[in-house]
């Protein structure tokens, strides 16, 4: 196989369609009759759908799957499952059931598929949910993920659009998974660098979300294929702006070197194009810019937290050993959506 990689030929959330493409397609769909029980649909590009089933209970629904971004099938299953489960926590919900989504070549070694499914099951169990089956099709390439259902109190739904000026932005994982995995795909990443990224991608966002649940968050999302800036832009919703402190952004150690050597993803460049005219940089280095556009696989949560709660919240997450950081603030709407300082 290319560059000696037999399993991983580029995948994870770098395989997502670009935000501009999705926007064009979704804008052409016919309107739907409004169901008052549908609390969150796809109109705000939120992380999952939320549907009220009783006065105090709503279901949260999401699905996510992609091709491998790592060579180890078991680790791939863990990463894909952690990534899919994350959407439930980003909405403030608790995952309860999951279904496998599998695409696999029939001529391939079925032991590989078994390892993928075992890795996924581990993370579903760690999340406190139950794996209930799934669906598989024969395909020319490997793809895996989950459809996940969660539960939430309708009054406690965390949308991605509730931020207000003055909120602090807390990011719970380092950035750079796309850059490091790209370097690894062409055998340019050192093993320790990939171990660092794999530890992050296989860490469930459950633990940070449990801390967030104890604080008055105004908005939350997870950072995946559209990069930090793309998902922040969705949070701003055209009605707010944000200031991001470049030196506060957590990142994987080798990202500057790999980015400067142009181990970049095509989706990262689509993310850059999408944010054209929406972001101002102020003398940051090339790698610092690319870091903010880099598509993340199983990335961290990005939360808009009131100023008085930001410090205690960040301290509590830090006590879990998670490399969270206060990376900026929400501001009233300005001419440009995001200013990187």
C-alpha atoms as a PDB file:
ATOM      1  CA  UNK A   1       0.000   0.000   0.000  1.00  0.00           C
ATOM      2  CA  UNK A   2       0.983   3.657  -0.401  1.00  0.00           C
ATOM      3  CA  UNK A   3       3.903   4.663   1.847  1.00  0.00           C
ATOM      4  CA  UNK A   4       3.682   1.305   3.619  1.00  0.00           C
ATOM      5  CA  UNK A   5       0.308   2.130   5.185  1.00  0.00           C
ATOM      6  CA  UNK A   6      -2.028  -0.855   4.823  1.00  0.00           C
ATOM      7  CA  UNK A   7      -5.021   0.356   6.806  1.00  0.00           C
ATOM      8  CA  UNK A   8      -4.858   4.129   7.139  1.00  0.00           C
ATOM      9  CA  UNK A   9      -4.916   6.099   3.894  1.00  0.00           C
ATOM     10  CA  UNK A  10      -6.416   9.299   5.285  1.00  0.00           C
ATOM     11  CA  UNK A  11      -9.595   9.515   7.302  1.00  0.00           C
ATOM     12  CA  UNK A  12     -11.160  10.643  10.529  1.00  0.00           C
ATOM     13  CA  UNK A  13     -12.884  14.003  10.420  1.00  0.00           C
ATOM     14  CA  UNK A  14     -10.502  15.141   7.667  1.00  0.00           C
ATOM     15  CA  UNK A  15     -12.804  13.102   5.401  1.00  0.00           C
ATOM     16  CA  UNK A  16     -15.793  15.360   6.025  1.00  0.00           C
ATOM     17  CA  UNK A  17     -17.277  17.397   3.223  1.00  0.00           C
ATOM     18  CA  UNK A  18     -16.335  21.056   3.507  1.00  0.00           C
ATOM     19  CA  UNK A  19     -18.717  23.479   5.261  1.00  0.00           C
ATOM     20  CA  UNK A  20     -19.410  25.483   2.102  1.00  0.00           C
ATOM     21  CA  UNK A  21     -20.440  22.362   0.183  1.00  0.00           C
ATOM     22  CA  UNK A  22     -22.778  21.248   2.946  1.00  0.00           C
ATOM     23  CA  UNK A  23     -24.305  24.700   3.249  1.00  0.00           C
ATOM     24  CA  UNK A  24     -25.113  24.792  -0.480  1.00  0.00           C
ATOM     25  CA  UNK A  25     -26.719  21.345  -0.426  1.00  0.00           C
ATOM     26  CA  UNK A  26     -28.746  21.869   2.744  1.00  0.00           C
ATOM     27  CA  UNK A  27     -29.993  25.258   1.566  1.00  0.00           C
ATOM     28  CA  UNK A  28     -31.734  23.563  -1.366  1.00  0.00           C
ATOM     29  CA  UNK A  29     -33.762  21.146   0.721  1.00  0.00           C
ATOM     30  CA  UNK A  30     -37.492  21.921   0.847  1.00  0.00           C
ATOM     31  CA  UNK A  31     -38.880  23.325   4.047  1.00  0.00           C
ATOM     32  CA  UNK A  32     -40.381  21.037   6.663  1.00  0.00           C
ATOM     33  CA  UNK A  33     -43.513  21.439   8.708  1.00  0.00           C
ATOM     34  CA  UNK A  34     -42.408  22.658  12.128  1.00  0.00           C
ATOM     35  CA  UNK A  35     -42.832  20.064  14.839  1.00  0.00           C
ATOM     36  CA  UNK A  36     -43.044  21.840  18.217  1.00  0.00           C
ATOM     37  CA  UNK A  37     -41.418  18.836  19.889  1.00  0.00           C
ATOM     38  CA  UNK A  38     -38.292  19.177  17.729  1.00  0.00           C
ATOM     39  CA  UNK A  39     -36.186  21.410  19.940  1.00  0.00           C
ATOM     40  CA  UNK A  40     -32.988  21.284  17.832  1.00  0.00           C
ATOM     41  CA  UNK A  41     -32.833  20.375  14.139  1.00  0.00           C
ATOM     42  CA  UNK A  42     -30.218  21.002  11.458  1.00  0.00           C
ATOM     43  CA  UNK A  43     -30.992  24.689  10.899  1.00  0.00           C
ATOM     44  CA  UNK A  44     -28.324  25.885  13.361  1.00  0.00           C
ATOM     45  CA  UNK A  45     -25.662  23.276  12.407  1.00  0.00           C
ATOM     46  CA  UNK A  46     -25.777  21.964  15.956  1.00  0.00           C
ATOM     47  CA  UNK A  47     -24.080  18.761  17.090  1.00  0.00           C
ATOM     48  CA  UNK A  48     -27.190  16.585  17.430  1.00  0.00           C
ATOM     49  CA  UNK A  49     -30.964  16.659  17.131  1.00  0.00           C
ATOM     50  CA  UNK A  50     -33.096  17.024  20.260  1.00  0.00           C
ATOM     51  CA  UNK A  51     -36.718  15.846  20.382  1.00  0.00           C
ATOM     52  CA  UNK A  52     -39.007  16.288  23.393  1.00  0.00           C
ATOM     53  CA  UNK A  53     -40.894  13.117  24.374  1.00  0.00           C
ATOM     54  CA  UNK A  54     -42.312  14.322  27.686  1.00  0.00           C
ATOM     55  CA  UNK A  55     -42.321  17.382  29.914  1.00  0.00           C
ATOM     56  CA  UNK A  56     -39.006  16.478  31.526  1.00  0.00           C
ATOM     57  CA  UNK A  57     -37.351  14.212  28.937  1.00  0.00           C
ATOM     58  CA  UNK A  58     -35.986  14.648  25.434  1.00  0.00           C
ATOM     59  CA  UNK A  59     -33.942  12.342  23.252  1.00  0.00           C
ATOM     60  CA  UNK A  60     -30.679  13.435  21.661  1.00  0.00           C
ATOM     61  CA  UNK A  61     -29.777  11.780  18.340  1.00  0.00           C
ATOM     62  CA  UNK A  62     -26.559  11.825  16.345  1.00  0.00           C
ATOM     63  CA  UNK A  63     -24.450   9.696  14.024  1.00  0.00           C
ATOM     64  CA  UNK A  64     -20.858   9.886  12.865  1.00  0.00           C
ATOM     65  CA  UNK A  65     -18.583   7.580  10.883  1.00  0.00           C
ATOM     66  CA  UNK A  66     -15.430   7.880   8.797  1.00  0.00           C
ATOM     67  CA  UNK A  67     -12.429   6.030   7.288  1.00  0.00           C
ATOM     68  CA  UNK A  68      -9.400   5.128   9.446  1.00  0.00           C
ATOM     69  CA  UNK A  69      -6.861   7.754  10.480  1.00  0.00           C
ATOM     70  CA  UNK A  70      -4.631   5.348  12.422  1.00  0.00           C
ATOM     71  CA  UNK A  71      -3.106   1.980  11.508  1.00  0.00           C
ATOM     72  CA  UNK A  72      -4.326  -0.016  14.515  1.00  0.00           C
ATOM     73  CA  UNK A  73      -7.910  -1.253  13.861  1.00  0.00           C
ATOM     74  CA  UNK A  74      -8.699  -1.501  17.578  1.00  0.00           C
ATOM     75  CA  UNK A  75      -7.581   2.072  18.193  1.00  0.00           C
ATOM     76  CA  UNK A  76      -9.536   3.190  15.125  1.00  0.00           C
ATOM     77  CA  UNK A  77     -12.684   1.683  16.629  1.00  0.00           C
ATOM     78  CA  UNK A  78     -12.038   3.501  19.891  1.00  0.00           C
ATOM     79  CA  UNK A  79     -11.465   6.844  18.181  1.00  0.00           C
ATOM     80  CA  UNK A  80     -14.516   6.563  15.919  1.00  0.00           C
ATOM     81  CA  UNK A  81     -16.758   5.661  18.836  1.00  0.00           C
ATOM     82  CA  UNK A  82     -15.378   8.425  21.077  1.00  0.00           C
ATOM     83  CA  UNK A  83     -15.938  10.898  18.254  1.00  0.00           C
ATOM     84  CA  UNK A  84     -19.570   9.859  17.698  1.00  0.00           C
ATOM     85  CA  UNK A  85     -20.430   9.808  21.400  1.00  0.00           C
ATOM     86  CA  UNK A  86     -19.041  13.327  21.801  1.00  0.00           C
ATOM     87  CA  UNK A  87     -22.025  14.968  20.117  1.00  0.00           C
ATOM     88  CA  UNK A  88     -24.332  13.835  22.908  1.00  0.00           C
ATOM     89  CA  UNK A  89     -22.147  15.398  25.594  1.00  0.00           C
ATOM     90  CA  UNK A  90     -21.777  18.582  23.524  1.00  0.00           C
ATOM     91  CA  UNK A  91     -25.562  18.996  23.795  1.00  0.00           C
ATOM     92  CA  UNK A  92     -25.490  18.402  27.560  1.00  0.00           C
ATOM     93  CA  UNK A  93     -27.020  14.922  27.256  1.00  0.00           C
ATOM     94  CA  UNK A  94     -26.192  11.428  28.480  1.00  0.00           C
ATOM     95  CA  UNK A  95     -25.683   8.667  25.875  1.00  0.00           C
ATOM     96  CA  UNK A  96     -27.807   5.570  26.519  1.00  0.00           C
ATOM     97  CA  UNK A  97     -27.753   3.433  23.349  1.00  0.00           C
ATOM     98  CA  UNK A  98     -25.531   3.096  20.287  1.00  0.00           C
ATOM     99  CA  UNK A  99     -25.696   1.279  16.944  1.00  0.00           C
ATOM    100  CA  UNK A 100     -22.685   0.355  14.819  1.00  0.00           C
ATOM    101  CA  UNK A 101     -22.305   1.725  11.280  1.00  0.00           C
ATOM    102  CA  UNK A 102     -19.897  -0.459   9.289  1.00  0.00           C
ATOM    103  CA  UNK A 103     -18.536  -0.412   5.741  1.00  0.00           C
ATOM    104  CA  UNK A 104     -16.041  -3.199   5.099  1.00  0.00           C
ATOM    105  CA  UNK A 105     -14.571  -5.027   2.069  1.00  0.00           C
ATOM    106  CA  UNK A 106     -15.747  -8.648   2.055  1.00  0.00           C
ATOM    107  CA  UNK A 107     -12.346  -9.880   0.867  1.00  0.00           C
ATOM    108  CA  UNK A 108     -10.519  -8.317   3.842  1.00  0.00           C
ATOM    109  CA  UNK A 109      -9.497 -10.176   6.982  1.00  0.00           C
ATOM    110  CA  UNK A 110     -12.553 -10.268   9.247  1.00  0.00           C
ATOM    111  CA  UNK A 111     -10.276 -10.204  12.286  1.00  0.00           C
ATOM    112  CA  UNK A 112      -9.653  -6.560  11.397  1.00  0.00           C
ATOM    113  CA  UNK A 113     -13.385  -5.863  11.552  1.00  0.00           C
ATOM    114  CA  UNK A 114     -13.573  -7.684  14.859  1.00  0.00           C
ATOM    115  CA  UNK A 115     -10.863  -5.448  16.311  1.00  0.00           C
ATOM    116  CA  UNK A 116     -12.647  -2.307  15.093  1.00  0.00           C
ATOM    117  CA  UNK A 117     -15.919  -3.372  16.691  1.00  0.00           C
ATOM    118  CA  UNK A 118     -14.187  -4.383  19.926  1.00  0.00           C
ATOM    119  CA  UNK A 119     -12.545  -0.973  20.188  1.00  0.00           C
ATOM    120  CA  UNK A 120     -15.865   0.759  19.614  1.00  0.00           C
ATOM    121  CA  UNK A 121     -17.607  -1.394  22.214  1.00  0.00           C
ATOM    122  CA  UNK A 122     -14.989  -0.463  24.818  1.00  0.00           C
ATOM    123  CA  UNK A 123     -15.763   3.230  24.435  1.00  0.00           C
ATOM    124  CA  UNK A 124     -19.531   2.725  24.393  1.00  0.00           C
ATOM    125  CA  UNK A 125     -19.232   0.846  27.674  1.00  0.00           C
ATOM    126  CA  UNK A 126     -16.926   3.493  29.136  1.00  0.00           C
ATOM    127  CA  UNK A 127     -19.571   6.071  28.209  1.00  0.00           C
ATOM    128  CA  UNK A 128     -22.132   4.167  30.286  1.00  0.00           C
ATOM    129  CA  UNK A 129     -24.235   3.332  27.206  1.00  0.00           C
ATOM    130  CA  UNK A 130     -25.368   0.038  25.651  1.00  0.00           C
ATOM    131  CA  UNK A 131     -24.390  -1.186  22.187  1.00  0.00           C
ATOM    132  CA  UNK A 132     -27.567  -2.588  20.633  1.00  0.00           C
ATOM    133  CA  UNK A 133     -26.571  -3.784  17.145  1.00  0.00           C
ATOM    134  CA  UNK A 134     -26.060  -1.887  13.928  1.00  0.00           C
ATOM    135  CA  UNK A 135     -25.849  -2.155  10.156  1.00  0.00           C
ATOM    136  CA  UNK A 136     -23.092  -3.213   7.770  1.00  0.00           C
ATOM    137  CA  UNK A 137     -22.538  -3.062   4.027  1.00  0.00           C
ATOM    138  CA  UNK A 138     -19.823  -4.409   1.748  1.00  0.00           C
ATOM    139  CA  UNK A 139     -17.735  -1.508   0.476  1.00  0.00           C
ATOM    140  CA  UNK A 140     -14.423  -0.907  -1.271  1.00  0.00           C
ATOM    141  CA  UNK A 141     -12.991   0.808   1.814  1.00  0.00           C
ATOM    142  CA  UNK A 142     -13.254   0.611   5.584  1.00  0.00           C
ATOM    143  CA  UNK A 143     -15.530   3.029   7.441  1.00  0.00           C
ATOM    144  CA  UNK A 144     -16.871   2.838  10.976  1.00  0.00           C
ATOM    145  CA  UNK A 145     -18.852   4.869  13.452  1.00  0.00           C
ATOM    146  CA  UNK A 146     -21.968   4.966  15.593  1.00  0.00           C
ATOM    147  CA  UNK A 147     -25.505   6.193  15.686  1.00  0.00           C
ATOM    148  CA  UNK A 148     -26.046   7.319  19.279  1.00  0.00           C
ATOM    149  CA  UNK A 149     -29.166   8.155  21.269  1.00  0.00           C
ATOM    150  CA  UNK A 150     -29.022  10.093  24.503  1.00  0.00           C
ATOM    151  CA  UNK A 151     -31.380  11.567  27.070  1.00  0.00           C
ATOM    152  CA  UNK A 152     -31.617  15.110  28.395  1.00  0.00           C
ATOM    153  CA  UNK A 153     -33.906  17.419  30.328  1.00  0.00           C
ATOM    154  CA  UNK A 154     -35.446  19.763  27.697  1.00  0.00           C
ATOM    155  CA  UNK A 155     -34.673  22.729  29.960  1.00  0.00           C
ATOM    156  CA  UNK A 156     -30.963  21.882  30.046  1.00  0.00           C
ATOM    157  CA  UNK A 157     -30.165  21.527  26.335  1.00  0.00           C
ATOM    158  CA  UNK A 158     -26.839  23.129  25.409  1.00  0.00           C
ATOM    159  CA  UNK A 159     -27.184  24.583  21.936  1.00  0.00           C
ATOM    160  CA  UNK A 160     -24.183  25.916  20.059  1.00  0.00           C
ATOM    161  CA  UNK A 161     -25.764  29.359  19.651  1.00  0.00           C
ATOM    162  CA  UNK A 162     -26.479  30.555  23.196  1.00  0.00           C
ATOM    163  CA  UNK A 163     -23.264  32.473  23.895  1.00  0.00           C
ATOM    164  CA  UNK A 164     -23.427  36.072  25.138  1.00  0.00           C
ATOM    165  CA  UNK A 165     -20.814  38.866  25.155  1.00  0.00           C
ATOM    166  CA  UNK A 166     -18.364  38.472  28.016  1.00  0.00           C
ATOM    167  CA  UNK A 167     -18.420  34.671  27.991  1.00  0.00           C
ATOM    168  CA  UNK A 168     -15.037  32.964  28.196  1.00  0.00           C
ATOM    169  CA  UNK A 169     -14.242  30.221  25.694  1.00  0.00           C
ATOM    170  CA  UNK A 170     -12.919  27.021  27.249  1.00  0.00           C
ATOM    171  CA  UNK A 171     -11.366  24.355  24.990  1.00  0.00           C
ATOM    172  CA  UNK A 172     -10.851  20.939  26.572  1.00  0.00           C
ATOM    173  CA  UNK A 173      -8.379  19.200  24.222  1.00  0.00           C
ATOM    174  CA  UNK A 174      -5.276  20.221  22.250  1.00  0.00           C
ATOM    175  CA  UNK A 175      -5.527  20.976  18.532  1.00  0.00           C
ATOM    176  CA  UNK A 176      -3.546  19.405  15.715  1.00  0.00           C
ATOM    177  CA  UNK A 177      -4.862  15.875  15.167  1.00  0.00           C
ATOM    178  CA  UNK A 178      -5.230  16.421  11.419  1.00  0.00           C
ATOM    179  CA  UNK A 179      -1.691  17.750  11.021  1.00  0.00           C
ATOM    180  CA  UNK A 180      -0.037  15.001  13.086  1.00  0.00           C
ATOM    181  CA  UNK A 181      -2.046  12.185  11.460  1.00  0.00           C
ATOM    182  CA  UNK A 182      -1.152  13.552   8.023  1.00  0.00           C
ATOM    183  CA  UNK A 183       2.536  13.463   8.926  1.00  0.00           C
ATOM    184  CA  UNK A 184       2.098   9.914  10.223  1.00  0.00           C
ATOM    185  CA  UNK A 185       0.399   8.766   7.026  1.00  0.00           C
ATOM    186  CA  UNK A 186       3.586   9.498   5.077  1.00  0.00           C
ATOM    187  CA  UNK A 187       5.808   8.087   7.851  1.00  0.00           C
ATOM    188  CA  UNK A 188       7.050  11.542   8.914  1.00  0.00           C
ATOM    189  CA  UNK A 189       5.636  11.550  12.459  1.00  0.00           C
ATOM    190  CA  UNK A 190       7.629  10.113  15.325  1.00  0.00           C
ATOM    191  CA  UNK A 191       5.907   7.394  17.420  1.00  0.00           C
ATOM    192  CA  UNK A 192       5.685   9.538  20.567  1.00  0.00           C
ATOM    193  CA  UNK A 193       3.849  12.242  18.652  1.00  0.00           C
ATOM    194  CA  UNK A 194       1.232   9.767  17.441  1.00  0.00           C
ATOM    195  CA  UNK A 195       0.888   8.286  20.931  1.00  0.00           C
ATOM    196  CA  UNK A 196       0.132  11.780  22.234  1.00  0.00           C
ATOM    197  CA  UNK A 197      -2.563  12.281  19.597  1.00  0.00           C
ATOM    198  CA  UNK A 198      -4.082   8.832  20.093  1.00  0.00           C
ATOM    199  CA  UNK A 199      -4.353   9.429  23.865  1.00  0.00           C
ATOM    200  CA  UNK A 200      -6.323  12.572  23.135  1.00  0.00           C
ATOM    201  CA  UNK A 201      -8.555  11.077  20.429  1.00  0.00           C
ATOM    202  CA  UNK A 202      -9.469   8.082  22.595  1.00  0.00           C
ATOM    203  CA  UNK A 203     -10.259  10.225  25.660  1.00  0.00           C
ATOM    204  CA  UNK A 204     -14.006  10.570  26.064  1.00  0.00           C
ATOM    205  CA  UNK A 205     -15.451  14.059  26.382  1.00  0.00           C
ATOM    206  CA  UNK A 206     -17.677  12.582  29.084  1.00  0.00           C
ATOM    207  CA  UNK A 207     -15.400  13.751  31.882  1.00  0.00           C
ATOM    208  CA  UNK A 208     -15.161  17.393  30.790  1.00  0.00           C
ATOM    209  CA  UNK A 209     -18.910  17.394  30.109  1.00  0.00           C
ATOM    210  CA  UNK A 210     -19.629  16.189  33.639  1.00  0.00           C
ATOM    211  CA  UNK A 211     -17.704  19.191  34.966  1.00  0.00           C
ATOM    212  CA  UNK A 212     -19.516  21.540  32.591  1.00  0.00           C
ATOM    213  CA  UNK A 213     -22.852  20.205  33.863  1.00  0.00           C
ATOM    214  CA  UNK A 214     -22.114  21.799  37.237  1.00  0.00           C
ATOM    215  CA  UNK A 215     -21.692  25.290  35.765  1.00  0.00           C
ATOM    216  CA  UNK A 216     -24.061  27.721  33.976  1.00  0.00           C
ATOM    217  CA  UNK A 217     -22.795  27.272  30.414  1.00  0.00           C
ATOM    218  CA  UNK A 218     -24.433  29.376  27.713  1.00  0.00           C
ATOM    219  CA  UNK A 219     -23.300  27.307  24.693  1.00  0.00           C
ATOM    220  CA  UNK A 220     -21.239  24.255  23.823  1.00  0.00           C
ATOM    221  CA  UNK A 221     -20.027  22.366  20.762  1.00  0.00           C
ATOM    222  CA  UNK A 222     -17.287  19.894  19.978  1.00  0.00           C
ATOM    223  CA  UNK A 223     -14.398  20.729  17.665  1.00  0.00           C
ATOM    224  CA  UNK A 224     -14.205  18.284  14.768  1.00  0.00           C
ATOM    225  CA  UNK A 225     -13.932  18.482  10.990  1.00  0.00           C
ATOM    226  CA  UNK A 226     -14.500  22.210  10.516  1.00  0.00           C
ATOM    227  CA  UNK A 227     -11.622  23.105  12.839  1.00  0.00           C
ATOM    228  CA  UNK A 228     -11.735  25.439  15.824  1.00  0.00           C
ATOM    229  CA  UNK A 229     -12.557  28.505  13.743  1.00  0.00           C
ATOM    230  CA  UNK A 230     -15.302  26.797  11.748  1.00  0.00           C
ATOM    231  CA  UNK A 231     -17.098  25.501  14.814  1.00  0.00           C
ATOM    232  CA  UNK A 232     -16.589  28.802  16.635  1.00  0.00           C
ATOM    233  CA  UNK A 233     -18.150  30.577  13.644  1.00  0.00           C
ATOM    234  CA  UNK A 234     -21.225  28.356  14.033  1.00  0.00           C
ATOM    235  CA  UNK A 235     -21.333  29.309  17.713  1.00  0.00           C
ATOM    236  CA  UNK A 236     -21.212  33.007  16.861  1.00  0.00           C
ATOM    237  CA  UNK A 237     -24.103  32.532  14.433  1.00  0.00           C
ATOM    238  CA  UNK A 238     -23.593  35.845  12.635  1.00  0.00           C
ATOM    239  CA  UNK A 239     -24.760  37.765  15.718  1.00  0.00           C
ATOM    240  CA  UNK A 240     -21.580  37.815  17.831  1.00  0.00           C
ATOM    241  CA  UNK A 241     -17.812  38.031  17.463  1.00  0.00           C
ATOM    242  CA  UNK A 242     -14.892  36.573  19.399  1.00  0.00           C
ATOM    243  CA  UNK A 243     -11.303  37.323  20.345  1.00  0.00           C
ATOM    244  CA  UNK A 244      -8.972  34.323  20.430  1.00  0.00           C
ATOM    245  CA  UNK A 245      -5.573  34.381  22.136  1.00  0.00           C
ATOM    246  CA  UNK A 246      -3.178  32.448  19.919  1.00  0.00           C
ATOM    247  CA  UNK A 247      -0.694  31.815  22.726  1.00  0.00           C
ATOM    248  CA  UNK A 248      -3.434  30.231  24.874  1.00  0.00           C
ATOM    249  CA  UNK A 249      -4.358  27.516  22.364  1.00  0.00           C
ATOM    250  CA  UNK A 250      -3.268  24.027  23.519  1.00  0.00           C
ATOM    251  CA  UNK A 251      -1.604  21.962  20.781  1.00  0.00           C
ATOM    252  CA  UNK A 252       0.404  18.789  20.282  1.00  0.00           C
ATOM    253  CA  UNK A 253       4.132  19.265  20.664  1.00  0.00           C
ATOM    254  CA  UNK A 254       5.236  18.537  17.085  1.00  0.00           C
ATOM    255  CA  UNK A 255       2.488  20.514  15.338  1.00  0.00           C
ATOM    256  CA  UNK A 256       4.670  23.589  14.589  1.00  0.00           C
ATOM    257  CA  UNK A 257       7.314  21.477  12.841  1.00  0.00           C
ATOM    258  CA  UNK A 258       4.830  19.338  10.919  1.00  0.00           C
ATOM    259  CA  UNK A 259       2.753  22.330   9.806  1.00  0.00           C
ATOM    260  CA  UNK A 260       5.839  24.234   8.680  1.00  0.00           C
ATOM    261  CA  UNK A 261       6.758  21.150   6.630  1.00  0.00           C
ATOM    262  CA  UNK A 262       3.279  21.385   5.034  1.00  0.00           C
ATOM    263  CA  UNK A 263       1.795  18.183   6.433  1.00  0.00           C
ATOM    264  CA  UNK A 264      -1.630  19.730   6.015  1.00  0.00           C
ATOM    265  CA  UNK A 265      -5.031  18.381   5.041  1.00  0.00           C
ATOM    266  CA  UNK A 266      -7.194  19.345   2.081  1.00  0.00           C
ATOM    267  CA  UNK A 267     -10.078  19.849   4.493  1.00  0.00           C
ATOM    268  CA  UNK A 268      -7.972  22.278   6.492  1.00  0.00           C
ATOM    269  CA  UNK A 269      -7.597  24.395   3.384  1.00  0.00           C
ATOM    270  CA  UNK A 270     -11.336  24.198   2.721  1.00  0.00           C
ATOM    271  CA  UNK A 271     -11.851  25.404   6.287  1.00  0.00           C
ATOM    272  CA  UNK A 272      -9.485  28.316   5.598  1.00  0.00           C
ATOM    273  CA  UNK A 273     -11.448  29.219   2.473  1.00  0.00           C
ATOM    274  CA  UNK A 274     -14.710  29.031   4.404  1.00  0.00           C
ATOM    275  CA  UNK A 275     -13.411  31.524   6.976  1.00  0.00           C
ATOM    276  CA  UNK A 276     -12.088  33.955   4.363  1.00  0.00           C
ATOM    277  CA  UNK A 277     -13.177  37.439   5.430  1.00  0.00           C
ATOM    278  CA  UNK A 278     -14.397  36.160   8.796  1.00  0.00           C
ATOM    279  CA  UNK A 279     -11.085  36.045  10.677  1.00  0.00           C
ATOM    280  CA  UNK A 280      -8.259  38.542  11.218  1.00  0.00           C
ATOM    281  CA  UNK A 281      -4.784  37.389  12.258  1.00  0.00           C
ATOM    282  CA  UNK A 282      -2.308  39.750  13.872  1.00  0.00           C
ATOM    283  CA  UNK A 283       1.156  38.562  12.965  1.00  0.00           C
ATOM    284  CA  UNK A 284       0.736  34.951  14.064  1.00  0.00           C
ATOM    285  CA  UNK A 285       3.071  32.355  12.581  1.00  0.00           C
ATOM    286  CA  UNK A 286       1.989  30.143   9.715  1.00  0.00           C
ATOM    287  CA  UNK A 287       1.602  27.064  11.931  1.00  0.00           C
ATOM    288  CA  UNK A 288      -0.549  29.005  14.399  1.00  0.00           C
ATOM    289  CA  UNK A 289      -2.943  29.899  11.611  1.00  0.00           C
ATOM    290  CA  UNK A 290      -3.061  26.346  10.278  1.00  0.00           C
ATOM    291  CA  UNK A 291      -3.698  25.008  13.768  1.00  0.00           C
ATOM    292  CA  UNK A 292      -6.961  26.948  13.956  1.00  0.00           C
ATOM    293  CA  UNK A 293      -8.160  25.601  10.584  1.00  0.00           C
ATOM    294  CA  UNK A 294      -6.993  22.028  11.197  1.00  0.00           C
ATOM    295  CA  UNK A 295      -9.848  19.474  11.182  1.00  0.00           C
ATOM    296  CA  UNK A 296      -9.954  17.588  14.457  1.00  0.00           C
ATOM    297  CA  UNK A 297     -10.913  13.963  14.953  1.00  0.00           C
ATOM    298  CA  UNK A 298     -12.509  13.292  18.350  1.00  0.00           C
ATOM    299  CA  UNK A 299     -11.580  16.824  19.351  1.00  0.00           C
ATOM    300  CA  UNK A 300     -12.421  18.597  22.570  1.00  0.00           C
ATOM    301  CA  UNK A 301     -15.463  20.511  23.721  1.00  0.00           C
ATOM    302  CA  UNK A 302     -15.637  24.273  23.190  1.00  0.00           C
ATOM    303  CA  UNK A 303     -17.838  25.959  25.783  1.00  0.00           C
ATOM    304  CA  UNK A 304     -19.015  29.530  26.305  1.00  0.00           C
ATOM    305  CA  UNK A 305     -18.837  30.021  30.073  1.00  0.00           C
ATOM    306  CA  UNK A 306     -19.828  33.132  32.087  1.00  0.00           C
ATOM    307  CA  UNK A 307     -16.773  35.044  33.296  1.00  0.00           C
ATOM    308  CA  UNK A 308     -17.386  34.361  36.988  1.00  0.00           C
ATOM    309  CA  UNK A 309     -17.584  30.587  36.364  1.00  0.00           C
ATOM    310  CA  UNK A 310     -14.705  30.265  33.904  1.00  0.00           C
ATOM    311  CA  UNK A 311     -11.892  30.055  36.458  1.00  0.00           C
ATOM    312  CA  UNK A 312     -13.483  27.485  38.779  1.00  0.00           C
ATOM    313  CA  UNK A 313     -14.696  25.435  35.826  1.00  0.00           C
ATOM    314  CA  UNK A 314     -11.242  25.377  34.232  1.00  0.00           C
ATOM    315  CA  UNK A 315      -9.602  24.443  37.534  1.00  0.00           C
ATOM    316  CA  UNK A 316     -11.963  21.525  38.036  1.00  0.00           C
ATOM    317  CA  UNK A 317     -11.319  20.194  34.526  1.00  0.00           C
ATOM    318  CA  UNK A 318      -7.592  20.568  35.114  1.00  0.00           C
ATOM    319  CA  UNK A 319      -7.860  18.391  38.214  1.00  0.00           C
ATOM    320  CA  UNK A 320      -8.947  15.558  35.892  1.00  0.00           C
ATOM    321  CA  UNK A 321      -5.631  15.838  34.061  1.00  0.00           C
ATOM    322  CA  UNK A 322      -7.237  17.267  30.939  1.00  0.00           C
ATOM    323  CA  UNK A 323      -5.245  20.004  29.136  1.00  0.00           C
ATOM    324  CA  UNK A 324      -8.130  22.485  28.985  1.00  0.00           C
ATOM    325  CA  UNK A 325      -7.525  26.193  28.414  1.00  0.00           C
ATOM    326  CA  UNK A 326      -9.330  29.528  28.449  1.00  0.00           C
ATOM    327  CA  UNK A 327      -8.634  30.625  24.867  1.00  0.00           C
ATOM    328  CA  UNK A 328     -10.622  33.828  24.458  1.00  0.00           C
ATOM    329  CA  UNK A 329     -13.870  35.716  24.936  1.00  0.00           C
ATOM    330  CA  UNK A 330     -17.157  36.360  23.187  1.00  0.00           C
ATOM    331  CA  UNK A 331     -17.702  40.011  22.188  1.00  0.00           C
ATOM    332  CA  UNK A 332     -20.547  42.009  20.678  1.00  0.00           C
ATOM    333  CA  UNK A 333     -20.747  41.689  16.902  1.00  0.00           C
ATOM    334  CA  UNK A 334     -17.954  43.441  15.021  1.00  0.00           C
ATOM    335  CA  UNK A 335     -17.103  43.782  11.354  1.00  0.00           C
ATOM    336  CA  UNK A 336     -15.066  40.567  11.498  1.00  0.00           C
ATOM    337  CA  UNK A 337     -16.340  37.452  13.286  1.00  0.00           C
ATOM    338  CA  UNK A 338     -13.035  36.379  14.865  1.00  0.00           C
ATOM    339  CA  UNK A 339      -9.941  38.363  15.793  1.00  0.00           C
ATOM    340  CA  UNK A 340      -6.859  36.322  16.706  1.00  0.00           C
ATOM    341  CA  UNK A 341      -4.599  38.307  19.029  1.00  0.00           C
END
